């Protein structure tokens, strides 16, 4: 049996994060929004708020865990993608927005522990 690719593991992590957020009442608007400078894993809506979600997985906390992997460089790329999204989609422009992180630690996903960090960072 071949080991699972990082793309497949990442997709399963996003699936787990999506299920977690949907069970909390959020609605999916877009998945894997990409632009030249970055990517937003999940674009969701909670009430009137646009929720831009970064999903991170770590099988080990040896290097700080999943949440710690969203450093300044990743935040800049995420912010760039958010600006692009708002320019490309007029329907989102008037909505209040926040950046959330869903961190999955452990034998991710499935057996991993999901941590939803609302308003994880600001512009």
C-alpha atoms as a PDB file:
ATOM      1  CA  UNK A   1       0.000   0.000   0.000  1.00  0.00           C
ATOM      2  CA  UNK A   2       1.391   3.387  -1.032  1.00  0.00           C
ATOM      3  CA  UNK A   3       1.672   6.179   1.529  1.00  0.00           C
ATOM      4  CA  UNK A   4      -0.949   8.888   1.250  1.00  0.00           C
ATOM      5  CA  UNK A   5       0.136  12.010  -0.649  1.00  0.00           C
ATOM      6  CA  UNK A   6       0.272  15.357   1.130  1.00  0.00           C
ATOM      7  CA  UNK A   7      -2.407  16.621  -1.258  1.00  0.00           C
ATOM      8  CA  UNK A   8      -4.759  13.839  -0.238  1.00  0.00           C
ATOM      9  CA  UNK A   9      -4.006  14.325   3.473  1.00  0.00           C
ATOM     10  CA  UNK A  10      -4.601  18.067   3.060  1.00  0.00           C
ATOM     11  CA  UNK A  11      -7.903  17.451   1.326  1.00  0.00           C
ATOM     12  CA  UNK A  12      -9.036  15.131   4.114  1.00  0.00           C
ATOM     13  CA  UNK A  13      -8.035  17.793   6.643  1.00  0.00           C
ATOM     14  CA  UNK A  14     -10.070  20.406   4.788  1.00  0.00           C
ATOM     15  CA  UNK A  15     -13.005  17.975   4.676  1.00  0.00           C
ATOM     16  CA  UNK A  16     -12.791  17.506   8.467  1.00  0.00           C
ATOM     17  CA  UNK A  17     -12.546  21.278   9.037  1.00  0.00           C
ATOM     18  CA  UNK A  18     -15.473  21.919   6.702  1.00  0.00           C
ATOM     19  CA  UNK A  19     -17.646  19.353   8.476  1.00  0.00           C
ATOM     20  CA  UNK A  20     -16.720  20.886  11.844  1.00  0.00           C
ATOM     21  CA  UNK A  21     -17.573  24.422  10.713  1.00  0.00           C
ATOM     22  CA  UNK A  22     -20.792  23.397   8.984  1.00  0.00           C
ATOM     23  CA  UNK A  23     -21.904  21.593  12.138  1.00  0.00           C
ATOM     24  CA  UNK A  24     -21.412  24.924  13.943  1.00  0.00           C
ATOM     25  CA  UNK A  25     -23.744  26.640  11.467  1.00  0.00           C
ATOM     26  CA  UNK A  26     -21.339  28.168   8.931  1.00  0.00           C
ATOM     27  CA  UNK A  27     -22.138  27.960   5.216  1.00  0.00           C
ATOM     28  CA  UNK A  28     -19.546  27.188   2.533  1.00  0.00           C
ATOM     29  CA  UNK A  29     -19.200  29.832  -0.196  1.00  0.00           C
ATOM     30  CA  UNK A  30     -15.971  28.689  -1.886  1.00  0.00           C
ATOM     31  CA  UNK A  31     -13.201  26.173  -1.436  1.00  0.00           C
ATOM     32  CA  UNK A  32      -9.510  26.572  -2.297  1.00  0.00           C
ATOM     33  CA  UNK A  33      -9.735  30.137  -3.579  1.00  0.00           C
ATOM     34  CA  UNK A  34      -6.413  30.780  -5.289  1.00  0.00           C
ATOM     35  CA  UNK A  35      -4.710  33.816  -6.690  1.00  0.00           C
ATOM     36  CA  UNK A  36      -1.116  34.479  -7.677  1.00  0.00           C
ATOM     37  CA  UNK A  37      -0.037  35.458  -4.161  1.00  0.00           C
ATOM     38  CA  UNK A  38      -1.859  32.981  -1.960  1.00  0.00           C
ATOM     39  CA  UNK A  39      -4.793  30.727  -1.201  1.00  0.00           C
ATOM     40  CA  UNK A  40      -7.799  30.618   1.110  1.00  0.00           C
ATOM     41  CA  UNK A  41      -8.742  27.060   2.017  1.00  0.00           C
ATOM     42  CA  UNK A  42     -12.387  27.757   2.906  1.00  0.00           C
ATOM     43  CA  UNK A  43     -14.516  30.847   2.314  1.00  0.00           C
ATOM     44  CA  UNK A  44     -17.513  30.608   4.603  1.00  0.00           C
ATOM     45  CA  UNK A  45     -20.339  32.698   5.948  1.00  0.00           C
ATOM     46  CA  UNK A  46     -21.506  32.931   9.543  1.00  0.00           C
ATOM     47  CA  UNK A  47     -24.592  35.130   9.701  1.00  0.00           C
ATOM     48  CA  UNK A  48     -23.618  38.358   7.950  1.00  0.00           C
ATOM     49  CA  UNK A  49     -19.867  37.747   8.443  1.00  0.00           C
ATOM     50  CA  UNK A  50     -17.471  36.507   5.779  1.00  0.00           C
ATOM     51  CA  UNK A  51     -15.158  33.933   7.371  1.00  0.00           C
ATOM     52  CA  UNK A  52     -11.850  33.226   5.623  1.00  0.00           C
ATOM     53  CA  UNK A  53     -10.393  29.982   6.897  1.00  0.00           C
ATOM     54  CA  UNK A  54      -6.862  28.590   6.838  1.00  0.00           C
ATOM     55  CA  UNK A  55      -6.704  24.853   7.605  1.00  0.00           C
ATOM     56  CA  UNK A  56      -3.447  23.541   9.064  1.00  0.00           C
ATOM     57  CA  UNK A  57      -2.506  19.963   9.925  1.00  0.00           C
ATOM     58  CA  UNK A  58       0.364  18.649  11.999  1.00  0.00           C
ATOM     59  CA  UNK A  59       0.833  15.048  13.025  1.00  0.00           C
ATOM     60  CA  UNK A  60       3.238  16.146  15.750  1.00  0.00           C
ATOM     61  CA  UNK A  61       3.555  19.172  18.030  1.00  0.00           C
ATOM     62  CA  UNK A  62       7.349  18.803  17.865  1.00  0.00           C
ATOM     63  CA  UNK A  63       7.644  22.081  15.943  1.00  0.00           C
ATOM     64  CA  UNK A  64       4.829  23.933  17.715  1.00  0.00           C
ATOM     65  CA  UNK A  65       1.716  22.269  16.350  1.00  0.00           C
ATOM     66  CA  UNK A  66      -0.675  23.233  13.589  1.00  0.00           C
ATOM     67  CA  UNK A  67      -1.727  26.652  14.907  1.00  0.00           C
ATOM     68  CA  UNK A  68       1.886  27.748  15.358  1.00  0.00           C
ATOM     69  CA  UNK A  69       2.530  27.092  11.663  1.00  0.00           C
ATOM     70  CA  UNK A  70       0.468  30.152  10.676  1.00  0.00           C
ATOM     71  CA  UNK A  71       3.299  32.644  11.003  1.00  0.00           C
ATOM     72  CA  UNK A  72       3.725  36.156   9.604  1.00  0.00           C
ATOM     73  CA  UNK A  73       4.650  34.979   6.088  1.00  0.00           C
ATOM     74  CA  UNK A  74       1.574  32.734   5.847  1.00  0.00           C
ATOM     75  CA  UNK A  75      -0.606  35.530   7.225  1.00  0.00           C
ATOM     76  CA  UNK A  76       0.671  37.944   4.537  1.00  0.00           C
ATOM     77  CA  UNK A  77      -0.091  35.451   1.761  1.00  0.00           C
ATOM     78  CA  UNK A  78      -3.512  34.748   3.238  1.00  0.00           C
ATOM     79  CA  UNK A  79      -4.237  38.490   3.490  1.00  0.00           C
ATOM     80  CA  UNK A  80      -3.180  39.001  -0.132  1.00  0.00           C
ATOM     81  CA  UNK A  81      -5.585  36.270  -1.249  1.00  0.00           C
ATOM     82  CA  UNK A  82      -8.353  37.860   0.853  1.00  0.00           C
ATOM     83  CA  UNK A  83      -7.844  41.232  -0.825  1.00  0.00           C
ATOM     84  CA  UNK A  84      -7.953  39.571  -4.232  1.00  0.00           C
ATOM     85  CA  UNK A  85     -11.159  37.726  -3.291  1.00  0.00           C
ATOM     86  CA  UNK A  86     -12.841  40.973  -2.212  1.00  0.00           C
ATOM     87  CA  UNK A  87     -11.801  42.726  -5.424  1.00  0.00           C
ATOM     88  CA  UNK A  88     -13.000  39.836  -7.593  1.00  0.00           C
ATOM     89  CA  UNK A  89     -16.327  39.282  -5.805  1.00  0.00           C
ATOM     90  CA  UNK A  90     -18.386  42.424  -5.277  1.00  0.00           C
ATOM     91  CA  UNK A  91     -21.010  40.491  -3.308  1.00  0.00           C
ATOM     92  CA  UNK A  92     -18.527  40.047  -0.420  1.00  0.00           C
ATOM     93  CA  UNK A  93     -17.244  43.644  -0.235  1.00  0.00           C
ATOM     94  CA  UNK A  94     -19.780  45.051   2.226  1.00  0.00           C
ATOM     95  CA  UNK A  95     -19.577  42.127   4.604  1.00  0.00           C
ATOM     96  CA  UNK A  96     -17.589  42.262   7.828  1.00  0.00           C
ATOM     97  CA  UNK A  97     -14.807  39.694   7.540  1.00  0.00           C
ATOM     98  CA  UNK A  98     -12.514  37.769   9.847  1.00  0.00           C
ATOM     99  CA  UNK A  99      -9.616  35.342   9.535  1.00  0.00           C
ATOM    100  CA  UNK A 100     -10.067  31.983  11.274  1.00  0.00           C
ATOM    101  CA  UNK A 101      -7.674  29.071  11.579  1.00  0.00           C
ATOM    102  CA  UNK A 102      -8.724  25.455  11.949  1.00  0.00           C
ATOM    103  CA  UNK A 103      -5.738  23.612  13.387  1.00  0.00           C
ATOM    104  CA  UNK A 104      -5.759  19.815  13.387  1.00  0.00           C
ATOM    105  CA  UNK A 105      -3.166  18.230  15.658  1.00  0.00           C
ATOM    106  CA  UNK A 106      -2.450  14.538  16.010  1.00  0.00           C
ATOM    107  CA  UNK A 107      -2.879  11.696  13.561  1.00  0.00           C
ATOM    108  CA  UNK A 108      -4.705  13.975  11.235  1.00  0.00           C
ATOM    109  CA  UNK A 109      -7.288  13.938  10.027  1.00  0.00           C
ATOM    110  CA  UNK A 110      -9.877  11.662  11.509  1.00  0.00           C
ATOM    111  CA  UNK A 111      -8.026  10.935  14.727  1.00  0.00           C
ATOM    112  CA  UNK A 112      -6.671  14.468  15.011  1.00  0.00           C
ATOM    113  CA  UNK A 113      -7.886  17.028  17.492  1.00  0.00           C
ATOM    114  CA  UNK A 114      -9.617  20.000  15.843  1.00  0.00           C
ATOM    115  CA  UNK A 115      -9.039  23.500  17.236  1.00  0.00           C
ATOM    116  CA  UNK A 116     -11.105  26.301  15.714  1.00  0.00           C
ATOM    117  CA  UNK A 117      -9.448  29.656  16.342  1.00  0.00           C
ATOM    118  CA  UNK A 118     -11.869  32.467  15.537  1.00  0.00           C
ATOM    119  CA  UNK A 119     -10.447  35.831  14.548  1.00  0.00           C
ATOM    120  CA  UNK A 120      -6.955  34.294  14.628  1.00  0.00           C
ATOM    121  CA  UNK A 121      -5.219  37.422  13.299  1.00  0.00           C
ATOM    122  CA  UNK A 122      -5.988  40.844  11.860  1.00  0.00           C
ATOM    123  CA  UNK A 123      -4.785  42.848   8.910  1.00  0.00           C
END
